[in-house]
Every structure is written in structure tokens, then in C-alpha cells.
Amino acid sequence: MIMSDPTPIAITLHRESRVLEISFDDGSRFELPCEYLRVYSPSAEVRGHGPGQETLPLNKEDVTITAVDPVGHYGIKPTFSDGHDTGIYTWKLLYDLGRHYNTLWQEYLGKVAAADRSRKA
């Protein structure tokens, strides 16, 4: 038996709380803050074009998502209030970001602290 990746059954953008809520067909439900999605964007701007080319997005604490556009049957492309709109978030990526939120968020905060920087503008 081949297991398929979870498929979203509901996606809700909560503008006031700046959270993208996504529920999957396996019963998982995640609330992903806009800032978290922005700093973990799959775009080349954030991830680079190869190992060691990643950037550390800063000053994204107040970023919001202004639009969410579907991309085929496999993901979404959010537009962020800072103008960033080049990352395509596949269902698998969104699921993984939800499952590993605590670890990834702490990793990001550690990188910000190590760079002696702040999340605030």
C-alpha cells in the first residue's frame, strides 16, 4: 500500500490574529502564524539556490498574508504584506511546517539570537 501525502480539507486565513489555519484529511489541524510562514518561505529569496545560500529573514513579526492563491492541485502561493509572493507552499510543506512548528520556530529564534538581531523592525 502506498501512502499519499495528506490533503487539506479546509484552509482559513485569520487576518486579525495573522494565522493561516489548515486542516488535513488525516485529522491534523495546524495554526501557522504568518511570520512563521514568511521566514520559512520555500522561495529562493529565503532558501537560496543551494546549500549555504539561505538568508535569515528579519523584521517579519508584523507581516500578514494579504492573499492566498491556489497553485494547481498541490499547493498555495500566499502574498505577504511586505510584498513577498514568490514562495509556493505545497501541501506536503505546509503539513511538515505544522508538524514541526515548535522545533522550527525555536531554531529560527536561536538563529536570530545568534545573529544578535531582533524579530522586530
PDB file of N, CA and C in Angstrom:
ATOM      1  N   MET A   1       0.837  -1.187   0.000  1.00  0.00           N
ATOM      2  CA  MET A   1       0.000   0.000   0.000  1.00  0.00           C
ATOM      3  C   MET A   1       0.882   1.251   0.000  1.00  0.00           C
ATOM      4  N   ILE A   2       0.593   2.178  -0.885  1.00  0.00           N
ATOM      5  CA  ILE A   2       1.345   3.428  -0.973  1.00  0.00           C
ATOM      6  C   ILE A   2       0.566   4.505  -0.223  1.00  0.00           C
ATOM      7  N   MET A   3       1.252   5.149   0.709  1.00  0.00           N
ATOM      8  CA  MET A   3       0.627   6.230   1.468  1.00  0.00           C
ATOM      9  C   MET A   3       0.790   7.537   0.688  1.00  0.00           C
ATOM     10  N   SER A   4      -0.296   8.259   0.537  1.00  0.00           N
ATOM     11  CA  SER A   4      -0.205   9.547  -0.135  1.00  0.00           C
ATOM     12  C   SER A   4      -0.021  10.645   0.910  1.00  0.00           C
ATOM     13  N   ASP A   5       0.463  11.768   0.446  1.00  0.00           N
ATOM     14  CA  ASP A   5       0.625  12.906   1.348  1.00  0.00           C
ATOM     15  C   ASP A   5      -0.754  13.390   1.790  1.00  0.00           C
ATOM     16  N   PRO A   6      -0.867  13.893   3.007  1.00  0.00           N
ATOM     17  CA  PRO A   6      -2.146  14.433   3.466  1.00  0.00           C
ATOM     18  C   PRO A   6      -2.610  15.561   2.549  1.00  0.00           C
ATOM     19  N   THR A   7      -3.915  15.650   2.384  1.00  0.00           N
ATOM     20  CA  THR A   7      -4.528  16.667   1.531  1.00  0.00           C
ATOM     21  C   THR A   7      -5.346  17.599   2.420  1.00  0.00           C
ATOM     22  N   PRO A   8      -5.259  18.904   2.181  1.00  0.00           N
ATOM     23  CA  PRO A   8      -6.041  19.822   3.009  1.00  0.00           C
ATOM     24  C   PRO A   8      -7.526  19.703   2.705  1.00  0.00           C
ATOM     25  N   ILE A   9      -8.322  19.812   3.745  1.00  0.00           N
ATOM     26  CA  ILE A   9      -9.773  19.813   3.566  1.00  0.00           C
ATOM     27  C   ILE A   9     -10.369  21.175   3.899  1.00  0.00           C
ATOM     28  N   ALA A  10      -9.588  22.026   4.577  1.00  0.00           N
ATOM     29  CA  ALA A  10     -10.038  23.386   4.891  1.00  0.00           C
ATOM     30  C   ALA A  10      -8.828  24.282   5.130  1.00  0.00           C
ATOM     31  N   ILE A  11      -8.895  25.476   4.557  1.00  0.00           N
ATOM     32  CA  ILE A  11      -7.856  26.488   4.770  1.00  0.00           C
ATOM     33  C   ILE A  11      -8.568  27.789   5.098  1.00  0.00           C
ATOM     34  N   THR A  12      -8.204  28.386   6.244  1.00  0.00           N
ATOM     35  CA  THR A  12      -8.821  29.639   6.668  1.00  0.00           C
ATOM     36  C   THR A  12      -7.731  30.622   7.057  1.00  0.00           C
ATOM     37  N   LEU A  13      -7.795  31.807   6.480  1.00  0.00           N
ATOM     38  CA  LEU A  13      -6.878  32.873   6.850  1.00  0.00           C
ATOM     39  C   LEU A  13      -7.560  33.747   7.896  1.00  0.00           C
ATOM     40  N   HIS A  14      -6.984  33.788   9.086  1.00  0.00           N
ATOM     41  CA  HIS A  14      -7.488  34.635  10.170  1.00  0.00           C
ATOM     42  C   HIS A  14      -6.662  35.924  10.149  1.00  0.00           C
ATOM     43  N   ARG A  15      -7.206  36.951   9.539  1.00  0.00           N
ATOM     44  CA  ARG A  15      -6.454  38.196   9.324  1.00  0.00           C
ATOM     45  C   ARG A  15      -6.088  38.901  10.632  1.00  0.00           C
ATOM     46  N   GLU A  16      -7.021  38.980  11.575  1.00  0.00           N
ATOM     47  CA  GLU A  16      -6.734  39.709  12.811  1.00  0.00           C
ATOM     48  C   GLU A  16      -5.635  39.056  13.626  1.00  0.00           C
ATOM     49  N   SER A  17      -5.672  37.734  13.749  1.00  0.00           N
ATOM     50  CA  SER A  17      -4.653  37.036  14.537  1.00  0.00           C
ATOM     51  C   SER A  17      -3.428  36.673  13.693  1.00  0.00           C
ATOM     52  N   ARG A  18      -3.478  36.964  12.408  1.00  0.00           N
ATOM     53  CA  ARG A  18      -2.369  36.702  11.475  1.00  0.00           C
ATOM     54  C   ARG A  18      -1.957  35.222  11.519  1.00  0.00           C
ATOM     55  N   VAL A  19      -2.952  34.368  11.321  1.00  0.00           N
ATOM     56  CA  VAL A  19      -2.740  32.915  11.362  1.00  0.00           C
ATOM     57  C   VAL A  19      -3.426  32.276  10.156  1.00  0.00           C
ATOM     58  N   LEU A  20      -2.732  31.334   9.529  1.00  0.00           N
ATOM     59  CA  LEU A  20      -3.326  30.506   8.493  1.00  0.00           C
ATOM     60  C   LEU A  20      -3.650  29.159   9.137  1.00  0.00           C
ATOM     61  N   GLU A  21      -4.934  28.845   9.192  1.00  0.00           N
ATOM     62  CA  GLU A  21      -5.374  27.576   9.784  1.00  0.00           C
ATOM     63  C   GLU A  21      -5.612  26.587   8.650  1.00  0.00           C
ATOM     64  N   ILE A  22      -5.048  25.397   8.782  1.00  0.00           N
ATOM     65  CA  ILE A  22      -5.192  24.393   7.740  1.00  0.00           C
ATOM     66  C   ILE A  22      -5.488  23.038   8.365  1.00  0.00           C
ATOM     67  N   SER A  23      -6.544  22.407   7.867  1.00  0.00           N
ATOM     68  CA  SER A  23      -6.943  21.080   8.331  1.00  0.00           C
ATOM     69  C   SER A  23      -6.703  20.081   7.206  1.00  0.00           C
ATOM     70  N   PHE A  24      -6.202  18.908   7.569  1.00  0.00           N
ATOM     71  CA  PHE A  24      -5.882  17.874   6.588  1.00  0.00           C
ATOM     72  C   PHE A  24      -6.805  16.672   6.740  1.00  0.00           C
ATOM     73  N   ASP A  25      -6.863  15.871   5.692  1.00  0.00           N
ATOM     74  CA  ASP A  25      -7.754  14.717   5.657  1.00  0.00           C
ATOM     75  C   ASP A  25      -7.373  13.604   6.629  1.00  0.00           C
ATOM     76  N   ASP A  26      -6.209  13.695   7.248  1.00  0.00           N
ATOM     77  CA  ASP A  26      -5.828  12.683   8.243  1.00  0.00           C
ATOM     78  C   ASP A  26      -6.235  13.108   9.662  1.00  0.00           C
ATOM     79  N   GLY A  27      -6.942  14.246   9.768  1.00  0.00           N
ATOM     80  CA  GLY A  27      -7.386  14.746  11.067  1.00  0.00           C
ATOM     81  C   GLY A  27      -6.480  15.792  11.679  1.00  0.00           C
ATOM     82  N   SER A  28      -5.317  16.021  11.081  1.00  0.00           N
ATOM     83  CA  SER A  28      -4.387  17.044  11.598  1.00  0.00           C
ATOM     84  C   SER A  28      -4.941  18.434  11.319  1.00  0.00           C
ATOM     85  N   ARG A  29      -4.702  19.342  12.247  1.00  0.00           N
ATOM     86  CA  ARG A  29      -5.081  20.749  12.085  1.00  0.00           C
ATOM     87  C   ARG A  29      -3.966  21.598  12.651  1.00  0.00           C
ATOM     88  N   PHE A  30      -3.517  22.566  11.860  1.00  0.00           N
ATOM     89  CA  PHE A  30      -2.412  23.419  12.278  1.00  0.00           C
ATOM     90  C   PHE A  30      -2.816  24.883  12.157  1.00  0.00           C
ATOM     91  N   GLU A  31      -2.313  25.687  13.092  1.00  0.00           N
ATOM     92  CA  GLU A  31      -2.466  27.140  13.036  1.00  0.00           C
ATOM     93  C   GLU A  31      -1.070  27.704  12.856  1.00  0.00           C
ATOM     94  N   LEU A  32      -0.799  28.204  11.658  1.00  0.00           N
ATOM     95  CA  LEU A  32       0.541  28.652  11.297  1.00  0.00           C
ATOM     96  C   LEU A  32       0.580  30.177  11.221  1.00  0.00           C
ATOM     97  N   PRO A  33       1.329  30.821  12.121  1.00  0.00           N
ATOM     98  CA  PRO A  33       1.434  32.280  12.089  1.00  0.00           C
ATOM     99  C   PRO A  33       2.038  32.772  10.773  1.00  0.00           C
ATOM    100  N   CYS A  34       1.572  33.917  10.329  1.00  0.00           N
ATOM    101  CA  CYS A  34       2.078  34.499   9.082  1.00  0.00           C
ATOM    102  C   CYS A  34       3.590  34.715   9.150  1.00  0.00           C
ATOM    103  N   GLU A  35       4.080  35.184  10.284  1.00  0.00           N
ATOM    104  CA  GLU A  35       5.517  35.414  10.432  1.00  0.00           C
ATOM    105  C   GLU A  35       6.287  34.104  10.213  1.00  0.00           C
ATOM    106  N   TYR A  36       5.817  33.037  10.792  1.00  0.00           N
ATOM    107  CA  TYR A  36       6.456  31.726  10.653  1.00  0.00           C
ATOM    108  C   TYR A  36       6.476  31.284   9.187  1.00  0.00           C
ATOM    109  N   LEU A  37       5.346  31.426   8.509  1.00  0.00           N
ATOM    110  CA  LEU A  37       5.296  31.060   7.092  1.00  0.00           C
ATOM    111  C   LEU A  37       6.232  31.927   6.264  1.00  0.00           C
ATOM    112  N   ARG A  38       6.324  33.198   6.615  1.00  0.00           N
ATOM    113  CA  ARG A  38       7.199  34.105   5.855  1.00  0.00           C
ATOM    114  C   ARG A  38       8.669  33.749   6.045  1.00  0.00           C
ATOM    115  N   VAL A  39       9.082  33.464   7.266  1.00  0.00           N
ATOM    116  CA  VAL A  39      10.509  33.192   7.496  1.00  0.00           C
ATOM    117  C   VAL A  39      10.903  31.803   7.004  1.00  0.00           C
ATOM    118  N   TYR A  40       9.936  30.917   6.829  1.00  0.00           N
ATOM    119  CA  TYR A  40      10.217  29.588   6.268  1.00  0.00           C
ATOM    120  C   TYR A  40       9.701  29.468   4.836  1.00  0.00           C
ATOM    121  N   SER A  41       9.670  30.580   4.124  1.00  0.00           N
ATOM    122  CA  SER A  41       9.238  30.574   2.731  1.00  0.00           C
ATOM    123  C   SER A  41      10.120  29.628   1.908  1.00  0.00           C
ATOM    124  N   PRO A  42       9.507  28.868   1.007  1.00  0.00           N
ATOM    125  CA  PRO A  42      10.290  27.984   0.142  1.00  0.00           C
ATOM    126  C   PRO A  42      10.935  28.714  -1.030  1.00  0.00           C
ATOM    127  N   SER A  43      10.839  30.021  -1.065  1.00  0.00           N
ATOM    128  CA  SER A  43      11.376  30.793  -2.183  1.00  0.00           C
ATOM    129  C   SER A  43      12.903  30.806  -2.189  1.00  0.00           C
ATOM    130  N   ALA A  44      13.461  31.054  -3.356  1.00  0.00           N
ATOM    131  CA  ALA A  44      14.917  31.174  -3.481  1.00  0.00           C
ATOM    132  C   ALA A  44      15.424  32.387  -2.697  1.00  0.00           C
ATOM    133  N   GLU A  45      14.582  33.397  -2.530  1.00  0.00           N
ATOM    134  CA  GLU A  45      14.975  34.587  -1.760  1.00  0.00           C
ATOM    135  C   GLU A  45      15.354  34.213  -0.329  1.00  0.00           C
ATOM    136  N   VAL A  46      14.660  33.230   0.234  1.00  0.00           N
ATOM    137  CA  VAL A  46      14.916  32.796   1.610  1.00  0.00           C
ATOM    138  C   VAL A  46      15.853  31.603   1.648  1.00  0.00           C
ATOM    139  N   ARG A  47      15.580  30.621   0.832  1.00  0.00           N
ATOM    140  CA  ARG A  47      16.353  29.376   0.870  1.00  0.00           C
ATOM    141  C   ARG A  47      17.615  29.394   0.024  1.00  0.00           C
ATOM    142  N   GLY A  48      17.727  30.355  -0.883  1.00  0.00           N
ATOM    143  CA  GLY A  48      18.882  30.401  -1.770  1.00  0.00           C
ATOM    144  C   GLY A  48      18.746  29.367  -2.875  1.00  0.00           C
ATOM    145  N   HIS A  49      19.795  29.253  -3.659  1.00  0.00           N
ATOM    146  CA  HIS A  49      19.790  28.309  -4.783  1.00  0.00           C
ATOM    147  C   HIS A  49      20.620  27.067  -4.491  1.00  0.00           C
ATOM    148  N   GLY A  50      21.121  26.971  -3.267  1.00  0.00           N
ATOM    149  CA  GLY A  50      21.927  25.815  -2.892  1.00  0.00           C
ATOM    150  C   GLY A  50      22.321  25.905  -1.436  1.00  0.00           C
ATOM    151  N   PRO A  51      22.947  24.855  -0.930  1.00  0.00           N
ATOM    152  CA  PRO A  51      23.365  24.839   0.473  1.00  0.00           C
ATOM    153  C   PRO A  51      24.256  26.029   0.823  1.00  0.00           C
ATOM    154  N   GLY A  52      24.000  26.607   1.971  1.00  0.00           N
ATOM    155  CA  GLY A  52      24.802  27.728   2.431  1.00  0.00           C
ATOM    156  C   GLY A  52      24.359  29.081   1.896  1.00  0.00           C
ATOM    157  N   GLN A  53      23.335  29.110   1.069  1.00  0.00           N
ATOM    158  CA  GLN A  53      22.858  30.372   0.489  1.00  0.00           C
ATOM    159  C   GLN A  53      21.594  30.892   1.164  1.00  0.00           C
ATOM    160  N   GLU A  54      21.185  30.228   2.252  1.00  0.00           N
ATOM    161  CA  GLU A  54      19.982  30.635   2.953  1.00  0.00           C
ATOM    162  C   GLU A  54      20.163  32.023   3.550  1.00  0.00           C
ATOM    163  N   THR A  55      19.061  32.735   3.693  1.00  0.00           N
ATOM    164  CA  THR A  55      19.085  34.038   4.353  1.00  0.00           C
ATOM    165  C   THR A  55      18.302  33.936   5.659  1.00  0.00           C
ATOM    166  N   LEU A  56      18.500  34.881   6.535  1.00  0.00           N
ATOM    167  CA  LEU A  56      17.780  34.938   7.795  1.00  0.00           C
ATOM    168  C   LEU A  56      16.791  36.103   7.713  1.00  0.00           C
ATOM    169  N   PRO A  57      15.526  35.814   7.388  1.00  0.00           N
ATOM    170  CA  PRO A  57      14.546  36.900   7.298  1.00  0.00           C
ATOM    171  C   PRO A  57      14.328  37.540   8.669  1.00  0.00           C
ATOM    172  N   LEU A  58      14.416  38.842   8.714  1.00  0.00           N
ATOM    173  CA  LEU A  58      14.224  39.589   9.954  1.00  0.00           C
ATOM    174  C   LEU A  58      13.113  40.614   9.758  1.00  0.00           C
ATOM    175  N   ASN A  59      12.655  41.182  10.842  1.00  0.00           N
ATOM    176  CA  ASN A  59      11.647  42.238  10.817  1.00  0.00           C
ATOM    177  C   ASN A  59      10.341  41.772  10.187  1.00  0.00           C
ATOM    178  N   LYS A  60       9.948  40.535  10.467  1.00  0.00           N
ATOM    179  CA  LYS A  60       8.719  39.974   9.897  1.00  0.00           C
ATOM    180  C   LYS A  60       7.648  39.744  10.949  1.00  0.00           C
ATOM    181  N   GLU A  61       7.861  40.238  12.166  1.00  0.00           N
ATOM    182  CA  GLU A  61       6.934  39.983  13.261  1.00  0.00           C
ATOM    183  C   GLU A  61       5.515  40.459  12.953  1.00  0.00           C
ATOM    184  N   ASP A  62       5.370  41.557  12.243  1.00  0.00           N
ATOM    185  CA  ASP A  62       4.046  42.116  11.970  1.00  0.00           C
ATOM    186  C   ASP A  62       3.531  41.803  10.574  1.00  0.00           C
ATOM    187  N   VAL A  63       4.219  40.919   9.850  1.00  0.00           N
ATOM    188  CA  VAL A  63       3.800  40.609   8.485  1.00  0.00           C
ATOM    189  C   VAL A  63       2.459  39.870   8.501  1.00  0.00           C
ATOM    190  N   THR A  64       1.658  40.126   7.493  1.00  0.00           N
ATOM    191  CA  THR A  64       0.384  39.447   7.332  1.00  0.00           C
ATOM    192  C   THR A  64       0.336  38.818   5.942  1.00  0.00           C
ATOM    193  N   ILE A  65      -0.658  37.994   5.733  1.00  0.00           N
ATOM    194  CA  ILE A  65      -0.921  37.457   4.399  1.00  0.00           C
ATOM    195  C   ILE A  65      -2.098  38.246   3.848  1.00  0.00           C
ATOM    196  N   THR A  66      -1.909  38.835   2.670  1.00  0.00           N
ATOM    197  CA  THR A  66      -2.963  39.654   2.073  1.00  0.00           C
ATOM    198  C   THR A  66      -3.783  38.884   1.047  1.00  0.00           C
ATOM    199  N   ALA A  67      -3.244  37.785   0.519  1.00  0.00           N
ATOM    200  CA  ALA A  67      -3.966  36.964  -0.456  1.00  0.00           C
ATOM    201  C   ALA A  67      -3.391  35.556  -0.438  1.00  0.00           C
ATOM    202  N   VAL A  68      -4.226  34.592  -0.762  1.00  0.00           N
ATOM    203  CA  VAL A  68      -3.799  33.205  -0.890  1.00  0.00           C
ATOM    204  C   VAL A  68      -4.352  32.683  -2.217  1.00  0.00           C
ATOM    205  N   ASP A  69      -3.450  32.348  -3.128  1.00  0.00           N
ATOM    206  CA  ASP A  69      -3.866  31.851  -4.432  1.00  0.00           C
ATOM    207  C   ASP A  69      -3.540  30.373  -4.569  1.00  0.00           C
ATOM    208  N   PRO A  70      -4.466  29.592  -5.123  1.00  0.00           N
ATOM    209  CA  PRO A  70      -4.184  28.171  -5.337  1.00  0.00           C
ATOM    210  C   PRO A  70      -3.144  27.983  -6.437  1.00  0.00           C
ATOM    211  N   VAL A  71      -2.356  26.927  -6.308  1.00  0.00           N
ATOM    212  CA  VAL A  71      -1.387  26.557  -7.339  1.00  0.00           C
ATOM    213  C   VAL A  71      -1.698  25.107  -7.707  1.00  0.00           C
ATOM    214  N   GLY A  72      -2.371  24.932  -8.839  1.00  0.00           N
ATOM    215  CA  GLY A  72      -2.761  23.596  -9.265  1.00  0.00           C
ATOM    216  C   GLY A  72      -3.529  22.879  -8.173  1.00  0.00           C
ATOM    217  N   HIS A  73      -3.268  21.584  -8.041  1.00  0.00           N
ATOM    218  CA  HIS A  73      -3.899  20.780  -7.002  1.00  0.00           C
ATOM    219  C   HIS A  73      -2.906  20.428  -5.912  1.00  0.00           C
ATOM    220  N   TYR A  74      -1.795  21.167  -5.847  1.00  0.00           N
ATOM    221  CA  TYR A  74      -0.719  20.750  -4.943  1.00  0.00           C
ATOM    222  C   TYR A  74      -0.264  21.799  -3.952  1.00  0.00           C
ATOM    223  N   GLY A  75      -0.819  23.008  -3.983  1.00  0.00           N
ATOM    224  CA  GLY A  75      -0.349  23.988  -3.021  1.00  0.00           C
ATOM    225  C   GLY A  75      -1.000  25.349  -3.157  1.00  0.00           C
ATOM    226  N   ILE A  76      -0.396  26.310  -2.460  1.00  0.00           N
ATOM    227  CA  ILE A  76      -0.866  27.695  -2.476  1.00  0.00           C
ATOM    228  C   ILE A  76       0.327  28.639  -2.624  1.00  0.00           C
ATOM    229  N   LYS A  77       0.015  29.850  -3.059  1.00  0.00           N
ATOM    230  CA  LYS A  77       1.018  30.905  -3.137  1.00  0.00           C
ATOM    231  C   LYS A  77       0.463  32.108  -2.387  1.00  0.00           C
ATOM    232  N   PRO A  78       0.927  32.302  -1.146  1.00  0.00           N
ATOM    233  CA  PRO A  78       0.458  33.467  -0.404  1.00  0.00           C
ATOM    234  C   PRO A  78       1.200  34.737  -0.833  1.00  0.00           C
ATOM    235  N   THR A  79       0.514  35.847  -0.720  1.00  0.00           N
ATOM    236  CA  THR A  79       1.132  37.154  -0.890  1.00  0.00           C
ATOM    237  C   THR A  79       1.194  37.780   0.497  1.00  0.00           C
ATOM    238  N   PHE A  80       2.397  38.187   0.900  1.00  0.00           N
ATOM    239  CA  PHE A  80       2.599  38.757   2.225  1.00  0.00           C
ATOM    240  C   PHE A  80       2.573  40.276   2.153  1.00  0.00           C
ATOM    241  N   SER A  81       2.274  40.905   3.281  1.00  0.00           N
ATOM    242  CA  SER A  81       2.153  42.357   3.337  1.00  0.00           C
ATOM    243  C   SER A  81       3.470  43.082   3.065  1.00  0.00           C
ATOM    244  N   ASP A  82       4.598  42.380   3.146  1.00  0.00           N
ATOM    245  CA  ASP A  82       5.878  43.009   2.810  1.00  0.00           C
ATOM    246  C   ASP A  82       6.202  42.882   1.318  1.00  0.00           C
ATOM    247  N   GLY A  83       5.237  42.383   0.530  1.00  0.00           N
ATOM    248  CA  GLY A  83       5.412  42.268  -0.910  1.00  0.00           C
ATOM    249  C   GLY A  83       5.929  40.908  -1.373  1.00  0.00           C
ATOM    250  N   HIS A  84       6.357  40.073  -0.462  1.00  0.00           N
ATOM    251  CA  HIS A  84       6.891  38.756  -0.837  1.00  0.00           C
ATOM    252  C   HIS A  84       5.760  37.879  -1.379  1.00  0.00           C
ATOM    253  N   ASP A  85       5.959  37.332  -2.590  1.00  0.00           N
ATOM    254  CA  ASP A  85       4.908  36.493  -3.178  1.00  0.00           C
ATOM    255  C   ASP A  85       5.468  35.414  -4.103  1.00  0.00           C
ATOM    256  N   THR A  86       6.709  35.008  -3.878  1.00  0.00           N
ATOM    257  CA  THR A  86       7.319  34.049  -4.804  1.00  0.00           C
ATOM    258  C   THR A  86       7.420  32.634  -4.259  1.00  0.00           C
ATOM    259  N   GLY A  87       6.979  32.383  -3.053  1.00  0.00           N
ATOM    260  CA  GLY A  87       7.076  31.036  -2.498  1.00  0.00           C
ATOM    261  C   GLY A  87       5.822  30.219  -2.771  1.00  0.00           C
ATOM    262  N   ILE A  88       6.002  29.011  -3.294  1.00  0.00           N
ATOM    263  CA  ILE A  88       4.885  28.094  -3.472  1.00  0.00           C
ATOM    264  C   ILE A  88       4.950  27.072  -2.339  1.00  0.00           C
ATOM    265  N   TYR A  89       3.911  27.054  -1.539  1.00  0.00           N
ATOM    266  CA  TYR A  89       3.824  26.168  -0.378  1.00  0.00           C
ATOM    267  C   TYR A  89       3.008  24.940  -0.780  1.00  0.00           C
ATOM    268  N   THR A  90       3.679  23.816  -0.967  1.00  0.00           N
ATOM    269  CA  THR A  90       2.971  22.587  -1.302  1.00  0.00           C
ATOM    270  C   THR A  90       2.233  22.086  -0.079  1.00  0.00           C
ATOM    271  N   TRP A  91       1.266  21.184  -0.313  1.00  0.00           N
ATOM    272  CA  TRP A  91       0.544  20.608   0.821  1.00  0.00           C
ATOM    273  C   TRP A  91       1.508  19.893   1.751  1.00  0.00           C
ATOM    274  N   LYS A  92       2.481  19.183   1.185  1.00  0.00           N
ATOM    275  CA  LYS A  92       3.470  18.471   1.995  1.00  0.00           C
ATOM    276  C   LYS A  92       4.272  19.443   2.855  1.00  0.00           C
ATOM    277  N   LEU A  93       4.717  20.555   2.260  1.00  0.00           N
ATOM    278  CA  LEU A  93       5.475  21.548   3.024  1.00  0.00           C
ATOM    279  C   LEU A  93       4.634  22.118   4.157  1.00  0.00           C
ATOM    280  N   LEU A  94       3.393  22.487   3.875  1.00  0.00           N
ATOM    281  CA  LEU A  94       2.530  23.040   4.917  1.00  0.00           C
ATOM    282  C   LEU A  94       2.301  22.030   6.035  1.00  0.00           C
ATOM    283  N   TYR A  95       2.123  20.772   5.668  1.00  0.00           N
ATOM    284  CA  TYR A  95       1.938  19.724   6.665  1.00  0.00           C
ATOM    285  C   TYR A  95       3.197  19.593   7.524  1.00  0.00           C
ATOM    286  N   ASP A  96       4.357  19.571   6.876  1.00  0.00           N
ATOM    287  CA  ASP A  96       5.623  19.457   7.613  1.00  0.00           C
ATOM    288  C   ASP A  96       5.870  20.676   8.496  1.00  0.00           C
ATOM    289  N   LEU A  97       5.554  21.874   7.987  1.00  0.00           N
ATOM    290  CA  LEU A  97       5.711  23.084   8.804  1.00  0.00           C
ATOM    291  C   LEU A  97       4.801  23.022  10.028  1.00  0.00           C
ATOM    292  N   GLY A  98       3.617  22.473   9.862  1.00  0.00           N
ATOM    293  CA  GLY A  98       2.713  22.319  11.000  1.00  0.00           C
ATOM    294  C   GLY A  98       3.209  21.283  11.994  1.00  0.00           C
ATOM    295  N   ARG A  99       3.605  20.132  11.508  1.00  0.00           N
ATOM    296  CA  ARG A  99       4.076  19.052  12.386  1.00  0.00           C
ATOM    297  C   ARG A  99       5.321  19.433  13.169  1.00  0.00           C
ATOM    298  N   HIS A 100       6.177  20.231  12.565  1.00  0.00           N
ATOM    299  CA  HIS A 100       7.465  20.564  13.183  1.00  0.00           C
ATOM    300  C   HIS A 100       7.533  22.017  13.660  1.00  0.00           C
ATOM    301  N   TYR A 101       6.364  22.630  13.862  1.00  0.00           N
ATOM    302  CA  TYR A 101       6.323  24.041  14.222  1.00  0.00           C
ATOM    303  C   TYR A 101       7.213  24.371  15.423  1.00  0.00           C
ATOM    304  N   ASN A 102       7.039  23.678  16.526  1.00  0.00           N
ATOM    305  CA  ASN A 102       7.786  24.027  17.746  1.00  0.00           C
ATOM    306  C   ASN A 102       9.292  23.966  17.526  1.00  0.00           C
ATOM    307  N   THR A 103       9.767  22.919  16.894  1.00  0.00           N
ATOM    308  CA  THR A 103      11.205  22.763  16.648  1.00  0.00           C
ATOM    309  C   THR A 103      11.722  23.832  15.700  1.00  0.00           C
ATOM    310  N   LEU A 104      11.001  24.036  14.594  1.00  0.00           N
ATOM    311  CA  LEU A 104      11.467  25.014  13.597  1.00  0.00           C
ATOM    312  C   LEU A 104      11.414  26.438  14.133  1.00  0.00           C
ATOM    313  N   TRP A 105      10.370  26.745  14.908  1.00  0.00           N
ATOM    314  CA  TRP A 105      10.271  28.105  15.455  1.00  0.00           C
ATOM    315  C   TRP A 105      11.406  28.375  16.435  1.00  0.00           C
ATOM    316  N   GLN A 106      11.720  27.410  17.295  1.00  0.00           N
ATOM    317  CA  GLN A 106      12.836  27.575  18.225  1.00  0.00           C
ATOM    318  C   GLN A 106      14.159  27.689  17.476  1.00  0.00           C
ATOM    319  N   GLU A 107      14.295  26.946  16.401  1.00  0.00           N
ATOM    320  CA  GLU A 107      15.507  27.033  15.577  1.00  0.00           C
ATOM    321  C   GLU A 107      15.653  28.437  14.995  1.00  0.00           C
ATOM    322  N   TYR A 108      14.558  28.992  14.491  1.00  0.00           N
ATOM    323  CA  TYR A 108      14.588  30.353  13.945  1.00  0.00           C
ATOM    324  C   TYR A 108      14.959  31.369  15.027  1.00  0.00           C
ATOM    325  N   LEU A 109      14.303  31.268  16.187  1.00  0.00           N
ATOM    326  CA  LEU A 109      14.601  32.206  17.282  1.00  0.00           C
ATOM    327  C   LEU A 109      16.063  32.098  17.699  1.00  0.00           C
ATOM    328  N   GLY A 110      16.615  30.896  17.692  1.00  0.00           N
ATOM    329  CA  GLY A 110      18.028  30.693  18.014  1.00  0.00           C
ATOM    330  C   GLY A 110      18.939  31.368  17.009  1.00  0.00           C
ATOM    331  N   LYS A 111      18.587  31.290  15.739  1.00  0.00           N
ATOM    332  CA  LYS A 111      19.396  31.930  14.697  1.00  0.00           C
ATOM    333  C   LYS A 111      19.344  33.448  14.824  1.00  0.00           C
ATOM    334  N   VAL A 112      18.158  33.971  15.145  1.00  0.00           N
ATOM    335  CA  VAL A 112      18.015  35.421  15.341  1.00  0.00           C
ATOM    336  C   VAL A 112      18.885  35.861  16.513  1.00  0.00           C
ATOM    337  N   ALA A 113      18.837  35.127  17.619  1.00  0.00           N
ATOM    338  CA  ALA A 113      19.644  35.461  18.806  1.00  0.00           C
ATOM    339  C   ALA A 113      21.132  35.340  18.500  1.00  0.00           C
ATOM    340  N   ALA A 114      21.535  34.288  17.779  1.00  0.00           N
ATOM    341  CA  ALA A 114      22.951  34.084  17.452  1.00  0.00           C
ATOM    342  C   ALA A 114      23.487  35.213  16.565  1.00  0.00           C
ATOM    343  N   ALA A 115      22.591  35.778  15.756  1.00  0.00           N
ATOM    344  CA  ALA A 115      22.987  36.887  14.888  1.00  0.00           C
ATOM    345  C   ALA A 115      22.929  38.222  15.640  1.00  0.00           C
ATOM    346  N   ASP A 116      22.537  38.152  16.936  1.00  0.00           N
ATOM    347  CA  ASP A 116      22.402  39.346  17.780  1.00  0.00           C
ATOM    348  C   ASP A 116      21.458  40.346  17.122  1.00  0.00           C
ATOM    349  N   ARG A 117      20.347  39.816  16.623  1.00  0.00           N
ATOM    350  CA  ARG A 117      19.356  40.633  15.944  1.00  0.00           C
ATOM    351  C   ARG A 117      18.014  40.518  16.666  1.00  0.00           C
ATOM    352  N   SER A 118      17.015  41.197  16.145  1.00  0.00           N
ATOM    353  CA  SER A 118      15.683  41.165  16.716  1.00  0.00           C
ATOM    354  C   SER A 118      14.667  40.828  15.629  1.00  0.00           C
ATOM    355  N   ARG A 119      13.534  40.237  16.022  1.00  0.00           N
ATOM    356  CA  ARG A 119      12.464  39.971  15.068  1.00  0.00           C
ATOM    357  C   ARG A 119      11.716  41.244  14.713  1.00  0.00           C
ATOM    358  N   LYS A 120      11.812  42.252  15.565  1.00  0.00           N
ATOM    359  CA  LYS A 120      11.054  43.493  15.344  1.00  0.00           C
ATOM    360  C   LYS A 120      11.778  44.413  14.384  1.00  0.00           C
ATOM    361  N   ALA A 121      10.989  45.205  13.710  1.00  0.00           N
ATOM    362  CA  ALA A 121      11.543  46.188  12.765  1.00  0.00           C
ATOM    363  C   ALA A 121      12.233  47.312  13.503  1.00  0.00           C
TER     364      ALA A 121
END
